[in-house]
Amino acid sequence: MGGHQSSQLPQDLKEQLAKETTFTETELSEWYRGFKRDCPSGQLSGEEFKQIYSHFFPFGDATKFAEHVFRTFDRDGNGRIDFKEFVLALSITSRGSPEQKLNWAFSMYDLDGDGEITKDEMLEVVTSIYSMIGPSVRMPEDEATPQLRMEKIFREMDVDGNQRLSLEEFIEGAKKDPSIVRLLQSDQVGGPVAEEGEQPEPERANGVP
């Protein structure tokens, strides 16, 4: 598990993250201790991340959804999440402004990073959410399948009708109709966009937004 030193967040990094996130230095120290306890190497792999999600959603398959969330946490794309990446993403998903959370969610749905969300991209992520929550959650009739849910989101957001969602359409649509945000996340399981005002618990370094 490492010695005493390994559980202490370096002061320079602590000061930097206190400026770049919504967490205090004390909170960052607590998060770091939890992160190192759960991930002694200091680097969280994609497989470890999937295992964490599977514990929280035992009645479904969280594998694909975890991959999408992992991608948004892994800023440098090296296939591992370090503490800085972890806490920067957590700051947005738990305490960020509504617009910051929507920007983060947009990046998750924009699979190829080209600045637009296609129907196929939206469908892939929504399908992963449905797989994760499993059959235990009953959906409204017009959201009974991932396809129906995706089409409903596009009807509300795709203002220019080009079958693609720009960041502007995505954010404006969510601002005009907050219920759209519910369609984009999975309320029953916490979803990719944390609810406004929701506070994370230090020492729980599981990365579930």
C-alpha atoms as a PDB file:
ATOM      1  CA  MET A   1       0.000   0.000   0.000  1.00  0.00           C
ATOM      2  CA  GLY A   2       3.018   2.278   0.263  1.00  0.00           C
ATOM      3  CA  GLY A   3       4.501   4.182   3.169  1.00  0.00           C
ATOM      4  CA  HIS A   4       3.549   7.371   4.911  1.00  0.00           C
ATOM      5  CA  GLN A   5       5.158   9.585   2.310  1.00  0.00           C
ATOM      6  CA  SER A   6       3.237   8.037  -0.593  1.00  0.00           C
ATOM      7  CA  SER A   7      -0.093   8.993   0.992  1.00  0.00           C
ATOM      8  CA  GLN A   8       0.807  12.685   1.148  1.00  0.00           C
ATOM      9  CA  LEU A   9      -0.042  14.998  -1.753  1.00  0.00           C
ATOM     10  CA  PRO A  10       3.007  17.110  -2.690  1.00  0.00           C
ATOM     11  CA  GLN A  11       2.488  20.690  -1.557  1.00  0.00           C
ATOM     12  CA  ASP A  12       3.184  22.262  -4.951  1.00  0.00           C
ATOM     13  CA  LEU A  13       0.615  20.006  -6.644  1.00  0.00           C
ATOM     14  CA  LYS A  14      -1.853  20.644  -3.837  1.00  0.00           C
ATOM     15  CA  GLU A  15      -1.558  24.416  -4.294  1.00  0.00           C
ATOM     16  CA  GLN A  16      -1.890  24.080  -8.081  1.00  0.00           C
ATOM     17  CA  LEU A  17      -5.011  21.920  -7.849  1.00  0.00           C
ATOM     18  CA  ALA A  18      -6.572  24.185  -5.247  1.00  0.00           C
ATOM     19  CA  LYS A  19      -6.372  26.961  -7.853  1.00  0.00           C
ATOM     20  CA  GLU A  20      -7.583  24.810 -10.758  1.00  0.00           C
ATOM     21  CA  THR A  21     -10.444  23.002  -8.998  1.00  0.00           C
ATOM     22  CA  THR A  22     -13.283  23.731  -6.580  1.00  0.00           C
ATOM     23  CA  PHE A  23     -11.612  21.789  -3.757  1.00  0.00           C
ATOM     24  CA  THR A  24      -9.723  23.195  -0.772  1.00  0.00           C
ATOM     25  CA  GLU A  25      -6.228  21.999   0.076  1.00  0.00           C
ATOM     26  CA  THR A  26      -7.658  19.999   2.991  1.00  0.00           C
ATOM     27  CA  GLU A  27     -10.200  18.295   0.724  1.00  0.00           C
ATOM     28  CA  LEU A  28      -7.512  17.549  -1.853  1.00  0.00           C
ATOM     29  CA  SER A  29      -5.364  15.895   0.806  1.00  0.00           C
ATOM     30  CA  GLU A  30      -8.313  13.717   1.834  1.00  0.00           C
ATOM     31  CA  TRP A  31      -9.084  12.793  -1.776  1.00  0.00           C
ATOM     32  CA  TYR A  32      -5.436  11.932  -2.365  1.00  0.00           C
ATOM     33  CA  ARG A  33      -5.283   9.615   0.639  1.00  0.00           C
ATOM     34  CA  GLY A  34      -8.392   7.818  -0.625  1.00  0.00           C
ATOM     35  CA  PHE A  35      -7.036   7.654  -4.180  1.00  0.00           C
ATOM     36  CA  LYS A  36      -3.710   6.168  -3.040  1.00  0.00           C
ATOM     37  CA  ARG A  37      -5.475   3.727  -0.747  1.00  0.00           C
ATOM     38  CA  ASP A  38      -7.679   2.427  -3.551  1.00  0.00           C
ATOM     39  CA  CYS A  39      -5.009   2.801  -6.229  1.00  0.00           C
ATOM     40  CA  PRO A  40      -1.534   2.405  -4.650  1.00  0.00           C
ATOM     41  CA  SER A  41       0.255   2.760  -7.983  1.00  0.00           C
ATOM     42  CA  GLY A  42      -1.189   6.251  -8.411  1.00  0.00           C
ATOM     43  CA  GLN A  43      -2.369   5.311 -11.910  1.00  0.00           C
ATOM     44  CA  LEU A  44      -5.887   3.986 -12.497  1.00  0.00           C
ATOM     45  CA  SER A  45      -6.185   1.751 -15.569  1.00  0.00           C
ATOM     46  CA  GLY A  46      -9.216   1.373 -17.784  1.00  0.00           C
ATOM     47  CA  GLU A  47      -9.797  -2.171 -16.531  1.00  0.00           C
ATOM     48  CA  GLU A  48      -9.683  -1.034 -12.903  1.00  0.00           C
ATOM     49  CA  PHE A  49     -12.103   1.759 -13.732  1.00  0.00           C
ATOM     50  CA  LYS A  50     -14.534  -0.748 -15.298  1.00  0.00           C
ATOM     51  CA  GLN A  51     -14.317  -2.954 -12.229  1.00  0.00           C
ATOM     52  CA  ILE A  52     -15.248  -0.010 -10.015  1.00  0.00           C
ATOM     53  CA  TYR A  53     -18.339   0.715 -12.087  1.00  0.00           C
ATOM     54  CA  SER A  54     -19.371  -2.927 -12.110  1.00  0.00           C
ATOM     55  CA  HIS A  55     -19.542  -2.905  -8.317  1.00  0.00           C
ATOM     56  CA  PHE A  56     -22.008  -0.033  -8.373  1.00  0.00           C
ATOM     57  CA  PHE A  57     -24.263  -1.485 -11.061  1.00  0.00           C
ATOM     58  CA  PRO A  58     -24.449  -5.233 -10.379  1.00  0.00           C
ATOM     59  CA  PHE A  59     -27.712  -5.716 -12.278  1.00  0.00           C
ATOM     60  CA  GLY A  60     -26.420  -4.422 -15.588  1.00  0.00           C
ATOM     61  CA  ASP A  61     -23.256  -4.237 -17.684  1.00  0.00           C
ATOM     62  CA  ALA A  62     -21.335  -1.026 -16.968  1.00  0.00           C
ATOM     63  CA  THR A  63     -18.373  -1.895 -19.189  1.00  0.00           C
ATOM     64  CA  LYS A  64     -19.096   0.363 -22.169  1.00  0.00           C
ATOM     65  CA  PHE A  65     -20.331   3.307 -20.132  1.00  0.00           C
ATOM     66  CA  ALA A  66     -17.233   3.120 -17.944  1.00  0.00           C
ATOM     67  CA  GLU A  67     -15.107   3.283 -21.103  1.00  0.00           C
ATOM     68  CA  HIS A  68     -16.816   6.514 -22.141  1.00  0.00           C
ATOM     69  CA  VAL A  69     -16.374   8.119 -18.720  1.00  0.00           C
ATOM     70  CA  PHE A  70     -12.771   6.925 -18.541  1.00  0.00           C
ATOM     71  CA  ARG A  71     -12.026   8.605 -21.859  1.00  0.00           C
ATOM     72  CA  THR A  72     -13.186  11.983 -20.525  1.00  0.00           C
ATOM     73  CA  PHE A  73     -11.112  11.610 -17.343  1.00  0.00           C
ATOM     74  CA  ASP A  74      -7.986  10.505 -19.243  1.00  0.00           C
ATOM     75  CA  ARG A  75      -7.022  13.921 -20.550  1.00  0.00           C
ATOM     76  CA  ASP A  76      -3.653  12.986 -21.987  1.00  0.00           C
ATOM     77  CA  GLY A  77      -4.991   9.814 -23.601  1.00  0.00           C
ATOM     78  CA  ASN A  78      -2.297   7.538 -22.179  1.00  0.00           C
ATOM     79  CA  GLY A  79      -4.783   4.900 -21.030  1.00  0.00           C
ATOM     80  CA  ARG A  80      -4.407   5.658 -17.325  1.00  0.00           C
ATOM     81  CA  ILE A  81      -5.876   8.225 -14.921  1.00  0.00           C
ATOM     82  CA  ASP A  82      -3.543   9.905 -12.466  1.00  0.00           C
ATOM     83  CA  PHE A  83      -4.689  11.880  -9.432  1.00  0.00           C
ATOM     84  CA  LYS A  84      -4.585  15.235 -11.206  1.00  0.00           C
ATOM     85  CA  GLU A  85      -6.802  13.993 -14.047  1.00  0.00           C
ATOM     86  CA  PHE A  86      -9.109  12.344 -11.532  1.00  0.00           C
ATOM     87  CA  VAL A  87      -9.639  15.426  -9.393  1.00  0.00           C
ATOM     88  CA  LEU A  88      -9.931  17.864 -12.317  1.00  0.00           C
ATOM     89  CA  ALA A  89     -12.778  15.816 -13.767  1.00  0.00           C
ATOM     90  CA  LEU A  90     -14.368  15.278 -10.363  1.00  0.00           C
ATOM     91  CA  SER A  91     -14.338  19.012  -9.709  1.00  0.00           C
ATOM     92  CA  ILE A  92     -16.410  19.607 -12.838  1.00  0.00           C
ATOM     93  CA  THR A  93     -18.841  16.720 -12.440  1.00  0.00           C
ATOM     94  CA  SER A  94     -19.542  17.393  -8.774  1.00  0.00           C
ATOM     95  CA  ARG A  95     -19.188  21.145  -8.267  1.00  0.00           C
ATOM     96  CA  GLY A  96     -18.838  22.705 -11.689  1.00  0.00           C
ATOM     97  CA  SER A  97     -21.259  25.239 -13.102  1.00  0.00           C
ATOM     98  CA  PRO A  98     -24.158  23.906 -15.194  1.00  0.00           C
ATOM     99  CA  GLU A  99     -22.308  25.006 -18.344  1.00  0.00           C
ATOM    100  CA  GLN A 100     -19.074  23.288 -17.255  1.00  0.00           C
ATOM    101  CA  LYS A 101     -20.969  20.066 -16.632  1.00  0.00           C
ATOM    102  CA  LEU A 102     -22.612  20.287 -20.040  1.00  0.00           C
ATOM    103  CA  ASN A 103     -19.256  20.896 -21.718  1.00  0.00           C
ATOM    104  CA  TRP A 104     -17.954  17.795 -19.966  1.00  0.00           C
ATOM    105  CA  ALA A 105     -20.988  15.752 -20.988  1.00  0.00           C
ATOM    106  CA  PHE A 106     -20.638  16.965 -24.584  1.00  0.00           C
ATOM    107  CA  SER A 107     -17.062  15.675 -24.676  1.00  0.00           C
ATOM    108  CA  MET A 108     -18.289  12.269 -23.550  1.00  0.00           C
ATOM    109  CA  TYR A 109     -20.913  12.015 -26.294  1.00  0.00           C
ATOM    110  CA  ASP A 110     -18.569  13.431 -28.956  1.00  0.00           C
ATOM    111  CA  LEU A 111     -16.754  10.133 -29.423  1.00  0.00           C
ATOM    112  CA  ASP A 112     -14.388  11.190 -32.189  1.00  0.00           C
ATOM    113  CA  GLY A 113     -13.723  14.652 -30.760  1.00  0.00           C
ATOM    114  CA  ASP A 114     -14.701  16.517 -33.934  1.00  0.00           C
ATOM    115  CA  GLY A 115     -16.852  19.076 -32.113  1.00  0.00           C
ATOM    116  CA  GLU A 116     -20.226  17.572 -33.074  1.00  0.00           C
ATOM    117  CA  ILE A 117     -22.387  14.739 -31.786  1.00  0.00           C
ATOM    118  CA  THR A 118     -23.903  12.477 -34.418  1.00  0.00           C
ATOM    119  CA  LYS A 119     -26.927  10.285 -33.877  1.00  0.00           C
ATOM    120  CA  ASP A 120     -24.701   7.220 -33.941  1.00  0.00           C
ATOM    121  CA  GLU A 121     -22.462   8.673 -31.246  1.00  0.00           C
ATOM    122  CA  MET A 122     -25.412   9.628 -29.068  1.00  0.00           C
ATOM    123  CA  LEU A 123     -26.971   6.210 -29.584  1.00  0.00           C
ATOM    124  CA  GLU A 124     -23.774   4.419 -28.582  1.00  0.00           C
ATOM    125  CA  VAL A 125     -23.508   6.262 -25.259  1.00  0.00           C
ATOM    126  CA  VAL A 126     -27.233   6.057 -24.491  1.00  0.00           C
ATOM    127  CA  THR A 127     -27.137   2.321 -25.243  1.00  0.00           C
ATOM    128  CA  SER A 128     -24.278   1.945 -22.783  1.00  0.00           C
ATOM    129  CA  ILE A 129     -26.365   3.698 -20.110  1.00  0.00           C
ATOM    130  CA  TYR A 130     -29.312   1.388 -20.708  1.00  0.00           C
ATOM    131  CA  SER A 131     -27.003  -1.624 -20.508  1.00  0.00           C
ATOM    132  CA  MET A 132     -25.551  -0.339 -17.264  1.00  0.00           C
ATOM    133  CA  ILE A 133     -28.813   0.231 -15.408  1.00  0.00           C
ATOM    134  CA  GLY A 134     -30.213  -3.081 -16.607  1.00  0.00           C
ATOM    135  CA  PRO A 135     -33.860  -4.151 -16.684  1.00  0.00           C
ATOM    136  CA  SER A 136     -34.584  -3.077 -13.109  1.00  0.00           C
ATOM    137  CA  VAL A 137     -35.387   0.520 -14.108  1.00  0.00           C
ATOM    138  CA  ARG A 138     -38.610   1.165 -16.007  1.00  0.00           C
ATOM    139  CA  MET A 139     -38.343   3.885 -18.653  1.00  0.00           C
ATOM    140  CA  PRO A 140     -41.180   6.108 -19.950  1.00  0.00           C
ATOM    141  CA  GLU A 141     -42.831   4.735 -23.084  1.00  0.00           C
ATOM    142  CA  ASP A 142     -41.200   7.307 -25.368  1.00  0.00           C
ATOM    143  CA  GLU A 143     -37.777   6.411 -23.929  1.00  0.00           C
ATOM    144  CA  ALA A 144     -38.296   2.662 -23.773  1.00  0.00           C
ATOM    145  CA  THR A 145     -35.296   1.948 -25.992  1.00  0.00           C
ATOM    146  CA  PRO A 146     -31.958   3.708 -26.559  1.00  0.00           C
ATOM    147  CA  GLN A 147     -33.113   4.562 -30.105  1.00  0.00           C
ATOM    148  CA  LEU A 148     -36.272   6.285 -28.845  1.00  0.00           C
ATOM    149  CA  ARG A 149     -34.350   8.205 -26.226  1.00  0.00           C
ATOM    150  CA  MET A 150     -31.750   9.356 -28.738  1.00  0.00           C
ATOM    151  CA  GLU A 151     -34.437  10.488 -31.196  1.00  0.00           C
ATOM    152  CA  LYS A 152     -36.193  12.412 -28.428  1.00  0.00           C
ATOM    153  CA  ILE A 153     -32.998  14.254 -27.537  1.00  0.00           C
ATOM    154  CA  PHE A 154     -32.335  15.163 -31.168  1.00  0.00           C
ATOM    155  CA  ARG A 155     -35.901  16.410 -31.704  1.00  0.00           C
ATOM    156  CA  GLU A 156     -35.368  18.848 -28.860  1.00  0.00           C
ATOM    157  CA  MET A 157     -31.789  19.897 -29.529  1.00  0.00           C
ATOM    158  CA  ASP A 158     -31.092  19.683 -33.266  1.00  0.00           C
ATOM    159  CA  VAL A 159     -32.290  23.177 -34.128  1.00  0.00           C
ATOM    160  CA  ASP A 160     -30.860  23.335 -37.664  1.00  0.00           C
ATOM    161  CA  GLY A 161     -31.952  19.795 -38.486  1.00  0.00           C
ATOM    162  CA  ASN A 162     -28.570  18.664 -39.810  1.00  0.00           C
ATOM    163  CA  GLN A 163     -28.622  15.426 -37.791  1.00  0.00           C
ATOM    164  CA  ARG A 164     -25.684  16.627 -35.706  1.00  0.00           C
ATOM    165  CA  LEU A 165     -25.494  18.500 -32.411  1.00  0.00           C
ATOM    166  CA  SER A 166     -23.026  21.329 -32.043  1.00  0.00           C
ATOM    167  CA  LEU A 167     -21.792  22.367 -28.603  1.00  0.00           C
ATOM    168  CA  GLU A 168     -23.959  25.479 -28.873  1.00  0.00           C
ATOM    169  CA  GLU A 169     -27.100  23.467 -29.659  1.00  0.00           C
ATOM    170  CA  PHE A 170     -26.272  21.053 -26.871  1.00  0.00           C
ATOM    171  CA  ILE A 171     -25.860  23.760 -24.225  1.00  0.00           C
ATOM    172  CA  GLU A 172     -28.713  25.998 -25.393  1.00  0.00           C
ATOM    173  CA  GLY A 173     -31.102  23.055 -25.599  1.00  0.00           C
ATOM    174  CA  ALA A 174     -30.294  22.036 -22.048  1.00  0.00           C
ATOM    175  CA  LYS A 175     -30.670  25.596 -20.764  1.00  0.00           C
ATOM    176  CA  LYS A 176     -34.067  26.070 -22.394  1.00  0.00           C
ATOM    177  CA  ASP A 177     -35.438  22.739 -21.265  1.00  0.00           C
ATOM    178  CA  PRO A 178     -33.785  21.282 -18.140  1.00  0.00           C
ATOM    179  CA  SER A 179     -35.660  18.031 -18.686  1.00  0.00           C
ATOM    180  CA  ILE A 180     -33.324  17.394 -21.629  1.00  0.00           C
ATOM    181  CA  VAL A 181     -30.455  17.065 -19.182  1.00  0.00           C
ATOM    182  CA  ARG A 182     -32.350  14.230 -17.520  1.00  0.00           C
ATOM    183  CA  LEU A 183     -32.520  12.498 -20.893  1.00  0.00           C
ATOM    184  CA  LEU A 184     -28.774  12.918 -21.346  1.00  0.00           C
ATOM    185  CA  GLN A 185     -27.848  11.415 -18.021  1.00  0.00           C
ATOM    186  CA  SER A 186     -29.112   8.450 -16.155  1.00  0.00           C
ATOM    187  CA  ASP A 187     -30.786   9.996 -13.130  1.00  0.00           C
ATOM    188  CA  GLN A 188     -31.316   6.650 -11.501  1.00  0.00           C
ATOM    189  CA  VAL A 189     -27.596   5.972 -11.276  1.00  0.00           C
ATOM    190  CA  GLY A 190     -26.019   9.385 -10.859  1.00  0.00           C
ATOM    191  CA  GLY A 191     -25.383   9.842 -14.555  1.00  0.00           C
ATOM    192  CA  PRO A 192     -22.470  11.347 -16.450  1.00  0.00           C
ATOM    193  CA  VAL A 193     -23.410  14.831 -15.313  1.00  0.00           C
ATOM    194  CA  ALA A 194     -23.598  15.195 -11.554  1.00  0.00           C
ATOM    195  CA  GLU A 195     -26.667  16.962 -10.216  1.00  0.00           C
ATOM    196  CA  GLU A 196     -26.119  20.631  -9.434  1.00  0.00           C
ATOM    197  CA  GLY A 197     -25.222  21.119  -5.798  1.00  0.00           C
ATOM    198  CA  GLU A 198     -24.197  17.497  -5.295  1.00  0.00           C
ATOM    199  CA  GLN A 199     -21.097  17.216  -3.148  1.00  0.00           C
ATOM    200  CA  PRO A 200     -18.575  14.397  -3.450  1.00  0.00           C
ATOM    201  CA  GLU A 201     -17.334  12.509  -0.414  1.00  0.00           C
ATOM    202  CA  PRO A 202     -13.569  12.693   0.229  1.00  0.00           C
ATOM    203  CA  GLU A 203     -11.778   9.362   0.767  1.00  0.00           C
ATOM    204  CA  ARG A 204     -14.060   7.699  -1.804  1.00  0.00           C
ATOM    205  CA  ALA A 205     -11.726   7.605  -4.777  1.00  0.00           C
ATOM    206  CA  ASN A 206     -13.877   5.564  -7.096  1.00  0.00           C
ATOM    207  CA  GLY A 207     -14.245   8.141  -9.844  1.00  0.00           C
ATOM    208  CA  VAL A 208     -17.990   7.679 -10.283  1.00  0.00           C
ATOM    209  CA  PRO A 209     -19.373  11.124 -11.169  1.00  0.00           C
END
